[in-house]
Amino acid sequence: MTEFTLGTRASCSDGFCGEVIRTILDPDTRTVTHLVIEPKHRKMDGRLVSLSLIDATGGEISLRCSLAEFEQLEPAEEVDLAEGADYGGGYGQAEAVQG
């Protein structure tokens, strides 16, 4: 099992892209599914990066994409969910998101 540390630098195939600011977990399996990587020089613009794009070795994270492709990844947005009588849980649960 690969462990990810918040603050780890991440690089694309053609240069540094940012650092890990959050991990996203599947609440059913409690396993990491995505990392949120915040681009350099731009706060609040994190990108949602699937583990299928990530090589993590020796404390470094390399993405299998270019900087241009990284910029096209889905933005990671924080959403506040209000629990109601019909709310069944899911990714809004506190244990689903770390960071």
N, C-alpha and C. Protein backbone atom coordinates (compact mmCIF):
# COMPACT_ATOMS: atom_id res chain seq x y z
N MET A 1 0.85 -1.19 0.00
CA MET A 1 0.00 0.00 0.00
C MET A 1 0.89 1.25 0.00
N THR A 2 0.62 2.18 -0.88
CA THR A 2 1.39 3.41 -0.97
C THR A 2 0.84 4.43 0.02
N GLU A 3 1.73 5.10 0.73
CA GLU A 3 1.33 6.16 1.64
C GLU A 3 1.67 7.50 0.99
N PHE A 4 0.79 8.49 1.22
CA PHE A 4 1.00 9.82 0.67
C PHE A 4 1.09 10.81 1.82
N THR A 5 2.04 11.74 1.72
CA THR A 5 2.25 12.74 2.75
C THR A 5 1.84 14.10 2.21
N LEU A 6 1.00 14.81 3.00
CA LEU A 6 0.62 16.16 2.61
C LEU A 6 1.87 17.02 2.55
N GLY A 7 1.94 17.89 1.54
CA GLY A 7 3.10 18.75 1.35
C GLY A 7 4.14 18.18 0.41
N THR A 8 3.97 16.92 -0.02
CA THR A 8 4.92 16.32 -0.95
C THR A 8 4.85 17.02 -2.30
N ARG A 9 6.01 17.32 -2.86
CA ARG A 9 6.07 17.97 -4.17
C ARG A 9 5.69 16.97 -5.26
N ALA A 10 5.01 17.48 -6.28
CA ALA A 10 4.60 16.64 -7.41
C ALA A 10 5.11 17.27 -8.70
N SER A 11 5.55 16.40 -9.61
CA SER A 11 6.07 16.87 -10.90
C SER A 11 5.37 16.15 -12.03
N CYS A 12 5.16 16.89 -13.11
CA CYS A 12 4.65 16.32 -14.35
C CYS A 12 5.85 15.89 -15.19
N SER A 13 5.59 15.33 -16.35
CA SER A 13 6.68 14.87 -17.21
C SER A 13 7.59 16.00 -17.66
N ASP A 14 7.07 17.24 -17.65
CA ASP A 14 7.87 18.38 -18.12
C ASP A 14 8.09 19.46 -17.07
N GLY A 15 7.97 19.11 -15.78
CA GLY A 15 8.30 20.08 -14.75
C GLY A 15 7.43 19.99 -13.50
N PHE A 16 7.83 20.76 -12.49
CA PHE A 16 7.14 20.82 -11.21
C PHE A 16 5.74 21.39 -11.39
N CYS A 17 4.73 20.74 -10.76
CA CYS A 17 3.36 21.22 -10.91
C CYS A 17 2.73 21.68 -9.61
N GLY A 18 3.20 21.24 -8.46
CA GLY A 18 2.60 21.69 -7.20
C GLY A 18 2.89 20.73 -6.07
N GLU A 19 2.01 20.77 -5.05
CA GLU A 19 2.20 19.88 -3.92
C GLU A 19 0.87 19.30 -3.47
N VAL A 20 0.96 18.16 -2.81
CA VAL A 20 -0.23 17.46 -2.33
C VAL A 20 -0.80 18.23 -1.14
N ILE A 21 -2.07 18.62 -1.25
CA ILE A 21 -2.72 19.34 -0.14
C ILE A 21 -3.84 18.54 0.49
N ARG A 22 -4.27 17.43 -0.15
CA ARG A 22 -5.38 16.66 0.38
C ARG A 22 -5.40 15.28 -0.25
N THR A 23 -5.94 14.31 0.46
CA THR A 23 -6.20 12.99 -0.11
C THR A 23 -7.71 12.78 -0.11
N ILE A 24 -8.20 12.07 -1.11
CA ILE A 24 -9.61 11.74 -1.21
C ILE A 24 -9.75 10.24 -1.02
N LEU A 25 -10.64 9.85 -0.11
CA LEU A 25 -10.83 8.45 0.22
C LEU A 25 -12.17 7.94 -0.26
N ASP A 26 -12.22 6.66 -0.61
CA ASP A 26 -13.48 5.97 -0.83
C ASP A 26 -13.98 5.59 0.56
N PRO A 27 -15.14 6.10 0.99
CA PRO A 27 -15.58 5.83 2.36
C PRO A 27 -15.92 4.37 2.63
N ASP A 28 -16.25 3.62 1.59
CA ASP A 28 -16.58 2.20 1.79
C ASP A 28 -15.33 1.36 2.03
N THR A 29 -14.29 1.60 1.24
CA THR A 29 -13.08 0.79 1.35
C THR A 29 -12.00 1.47 2.18
N ARG A 30 -12.20 2.78 2.45
CA ARG A 30 -11.22 3.59 3.20
C ARG A 30 -9.84 3.56 2.55
N THR A 31 -9.85 3.61 1.22
CA THR A 31 -8.60 3.66 0.47
C THR A 31 -8.54 4.97 -0.32
N VAL A 32 -7.33 5.45 -0.55
CA VAL A 32 -7.14 6.68 -1.31
C VAL A 32 -7.49 6.43 -2.77
N THR A 33 -8.30 7.33 -3.35
CA THR A 33 -8.67 7.22 -4.76
C THR A 33 -8.05 8.34 -5.59
N HIS A 34 -7.84 9.52 -4.96
CA HIS A 34 -7.32 10.69 -5.66
C HIS A 34 -6.45 11.50 -4.71
N LEU A 35 -5.58 12.29 -5.29
CA LEU A 35 -4.85 13.32 -4.55
C LEU A 35 -5.29 14.67 -5.07
N VAL A 36 -5.31 15.66 -4.20
CA VAL A 36 -5.53 17.03 -4.64
C VAL A 36 -4.16 17.69 -4.63
N ILE A 37 -3.75 18.15 -5.80
CA ILE A 37 -2.45 18.81 -5.95
C ILE A 37 -2.70 20.26 -6.29
N GLU A 38 -2.15 21.13 -5.44
CA GLU A 38 -2.32 22.57 -5.64
C GLU A 38 -1.19 23.08 -6.52
N PRO A 39 -1.55 23.69 -7.65
CA PRO A 39 -0.52 24.20 -8.56
C PRO A 39 0.34 25.27 -7.90
N LYS A 40 1.58 25.34 -8.32
CA LYS A 40 2.48 26.37 -7.80
C LYS A 40 1.92 27.75 -8.10
N HIS A 41 2.09 28.66 -7.18
CA HIS A 41 1.73 30.08 -7.34
C HIS A 41 0.23 30.34 -7.46
N ARG A 42 -0.62 29.35 -7.21
CA ARG A 42 -2.07 29.61 -7.31
C ARG A 42 -2.80 28.88 -6.20
N LYS A 43 -3.13 29.58 -5.16
CA LYS A 43 -3.89 28.98 -4.07
C LYS A 43 -5.34 28.80 -4.51
N MET A 44 -6.01 27.84 -3.92
CA MET A 44 -7.42 27.56 -4.17
C MET A 44 -7.70 27.07 -5.59
N ASP A 45 -6.73 26.50 -6.22
CA ASP A 45 -6.90 26.03 -7.58
C ASP A 45 -6.43 24.58 -7.70
N GLY A 46 -6.60 23.79 -6.62
CA GLY A 46 -6.13 22.41 -6.62
C GLY A 46 -6.77 21.59 -7.72
N ARG A 47 -6.04 20.61 -8.20
CA ARG A 47 -6.53 19.70 -9.24
C ARG A 47 -6.73 18.31 -8.64
N LEU A 48 -7.79 17.65 -9.06
CA LEU A 48 -8.13 16.31 -8.62
C LEU A 48 -7.38 15.32 -9.50
N VAL A 49 -6.43 14.58 -8.91
CA VAL A 49 -5.56 13.69 -9.68
C VAL A 49 -5.83 12.24 -9.28
N SER A 50 -6.28 11.46 -10.23
CA SER A 50 -6.55 10.04 -10.00
C SER A 50 -5.25 9.29 -9.73
N LEU A 51 -5.32 8.27 -8.88
CA LEU A 51 -4.12 7.47 -8.61
C LEU A 51 -3.58 6.81 -9.86
N SER A 52 -4.42 6.64 -10.89
CA SER A 52 -3.95 6.02 -12.13
C SER A 52 -2.91 6.89 -12.85
N LEU A 53 -2.82 8.17 -12.49
CA LEU A 53 -1.84 9.08 -13.10
C LEU A 53 -0.60 9.26 -12.23
N ILE A 54 -0.54 8.57 -11.10
CA ILE A 54 0.50 8.85 -10.11
C ILE A 54 1.50 7.71 -9.97
N ASP A 55 2.78 8.09 -10.00
CA ASP A 55 3.88 7.19 -9.62
C ASP A 55 4.49 7.80 -8.37
N ALA A 56 4.46 7.05 -7.27
CA ALA A 56 5.03 7.53 -6.02
C ALA A 56 6.15 6.59 -5.60
N THR A 57 7.38 7.10 -5.71
CA THR A 57 8.54 6.30 -5.31
C THR A 57 9.53 7.19 -4.59
N GLY A 58 10.12 6.65 -3.56
CA GLY A 58 11.17 7.37 -2.85
C GLY A 58 10.75 8.70 -2.29
N GLY A 59 9.49 8.83 -1.87
CA GLY A 59 9.03 10.09 -1.29
C GLY A 59 8.74 11.18 -2.31
N GLU A 60 8.77 10.84 -3.58
CA GLU A 60 8.47 11.81 -4.64
C GLU A 60 7.24 11.35 -5.40
N ILE A 61 6.52 12.31 -5.95
CA ILE A 61 5.33 11.99 -6.74
C ILE A 61 5.54 12.50 -8.16
N SER A 62 5.42 11.59 -9.12
CA SER A 62 5.51 11.94 -10.54
C SER A 62 4.16 11.64 -11.17
N LEU A 63 3.69 12.59 -11.97
CA LEU A 63 2.43 12.39 -12.67
C LEU A 63 2.70 11.97 -14.10
N ARG A 64 1.89 11.05 -14.60
CA ARG A 64 2.01 10.60 -15.98
C ARG A 64 1.18 11.51 -16.88
N CYS A 65 1.56 12.80 -16.89
CA CYS A 65 0.92 13.77 -17.76
C CYS A 65 1.83 14.99 -17.85
N SER A 66 1.57 15.84 -18.81
CA SER A 66 2.35 17.07 -18.98
C SER A 66 1.72 18.17 -18.12
N LEU A 67 2.42 19.29 -17.97
CA LEU A 67 1.87 20.43 -17.25
C LEU A 67 0.57 20.91 -17.89
N ALA A 68 0.52 20.93 -19.23
CA ALA A 68 -0.69 21.35 -19.93
C ALA A 68 -1.85 20.41 -19.63
N GLU A 69 -1.58 19.11 -19.60
CA GLU A 69 -2.63 18.13 -19.28
C GLU A 69 -3.06 18.26 -17.82
N PHE A 70 -2.11 18.52 -16.92
CA PHE A 70 -2.42 18.73 -15.51
C PHE A 70 -3.40 19.88 -15.35
N GLU A 71 -3.17 20.97 -16.07
CA GLU A 71 -4.04 22.15 -15.99
C GLU A 71 -5.47 21.85 -16.43
N GLN A 72 -5.65 20.81 -17.23
CA GLN A 72 -6.98 20.45 -17.72
C GLN A 72 -7.73 19.48 -16.80
N LEU A 73 -7.04 18.98 -15.75
CA LEU A 73 -7.71 18.08 -14.81
C LEU A 73 -8.80 18.82 -14.05
N GLU A 74 -9.75 18.08 -13.56
CA GLU A 74 -10.89 18.65 -12.85
C GLU A 74 -10.44 19.41 -11.61
N PRO A 75 -10.96 20.62 -11.43
CA PRO A 75 -10.63 21.37 -10.20
C PRO A 75 -11.20 20.64 -8.98
N ALA A 76 -10.47 20.67 -7.90
CA ALA A 76 -10.94 20.07 -6.65
C ALA A 76 -11.63 21.17 -5.86
N GLU A 77 -12.93 21.07 -5.76
CA GLU A 77 -13.71 22.08 -5.07
C GLU A 77 -14.20 21.53 -3.74
N GLU A 78 -14.15 22.37 -2.71
CA GLU A 78 -14.71 21.98 -1.42
C GLU A 78 -16.19 22.29 -1.45
N VAL A 79 -16.98 21.34 -0.98
CA VAL A 79 -18.42 21.50 -0.96
C VAL A 79 -18.91 21.20 0.45
N ASP A 80 -19.71 22.09 1.00
CA ASP A 80 -20.32 21.84 2.30
C ASP A 80 -21.68 21.21 2.06
N LEU A 81 -21.87 20.03 2.62
CA LEU A 81 -23.13 19.33 2.48
C LEU A 81 -23.91 19.44 3.78
N ALA A 82 -25.17 19.75 3.66
CA ALA A 82 -26.04 19.79 4.82
C ALA A 82 -26.74 18.45 4.94
N GLU A 83 -26.60 17.84 6.11
CA GLU A 83 -27.23 16.54 6.31
C GLU A 83 -28.71 16.74 6.63
N GLY A 84 -29.55 16.01 5.94
CA GLY A 84 -30.97 16.05 6.16
C GLY A 84 -31.49 14.67 6.48
N ALA A 85 -32.77 14.56 6.65
CA ALA A 85 -33.38 13.28 7.01
C ALA A 85 -33.15 12.22 5.94
N ASP A 86 -33.04 12.65 4.67
CA ASP A 86 -32.86 11.69 3.59
C ASP A 86 -31.42 11.54 3.14
N TYR A 87 -30.47 12.17 3.85
CA TYR A 87 -29.07 12.10 3.47
C TYR A 87 -28.49 10.78 3.94
N GLY A 88 -27.90 10.01 3.01
CA GLY A 88 -27.39 8.70 3.35
C GLY A 88 -25.89 8.63 3.50
N GLY A 89 -25.22 9.75 3.57
CA GLY A 89 -23.76 9.72 3.71
C GLY A 89 -23.09 9.74 2.35
N GLY A 90 -21.83 9.39 2.32
CA GLY A 90 -21.08 9.37 1.06
C GLY A 90 -19.84 10.22 1.19
N TYR A 91 -19.45 10.86 0.11
CA TYR A 91 -18.19 11.60 0.10
C TYR A 91 -18.24 12.85 0.98
N GLY A 92 -19.41 13.23 1.48
CA GLY A 92 -19.50 14.35 2.38
C GLY A 92 -19.13 14.00 3.80
N GLN A 93 -18.94 12.72 4.08
CA GLN A 93 -18.59 12.30 5.43
C GLN A 93 -17.18 12.76 5.75
N ALA A 94 -16.97 13.13 7.00
CA ALA A 94 -15.67 13.66 7.42
C ALA A 94 -14.53 12.70 7.13
N GLU A 95 -14.76 11.39 7.28
CA GLU A 95 -13.68 10.44 7.05
C GLU A 95 -13.38 10.22 5.59
N ALA A 96 -14.19 10.79 4.68
CA ALA A 96 -13.97 10.60 3.24
C ALA A 96 -12.88 11.52 2.70
N VAL A 97 -12.64 12.63 3.39
CA VAL A 97 -11.66 13.60 2.92
C VAL A 97 -10.71 13.90 4.05
N GLN A 98 -9.42 13.85 3.75
CA GLN A 98 -8.42 14.21 4.76
C GLN A 98 -7.65 15.40 4.27
N GLY A 99 -7.23 16.22 5.18
CA GLY A 99 -6.36 17.32 4.80
C GLY A 99 -6.83 18.63 5.26
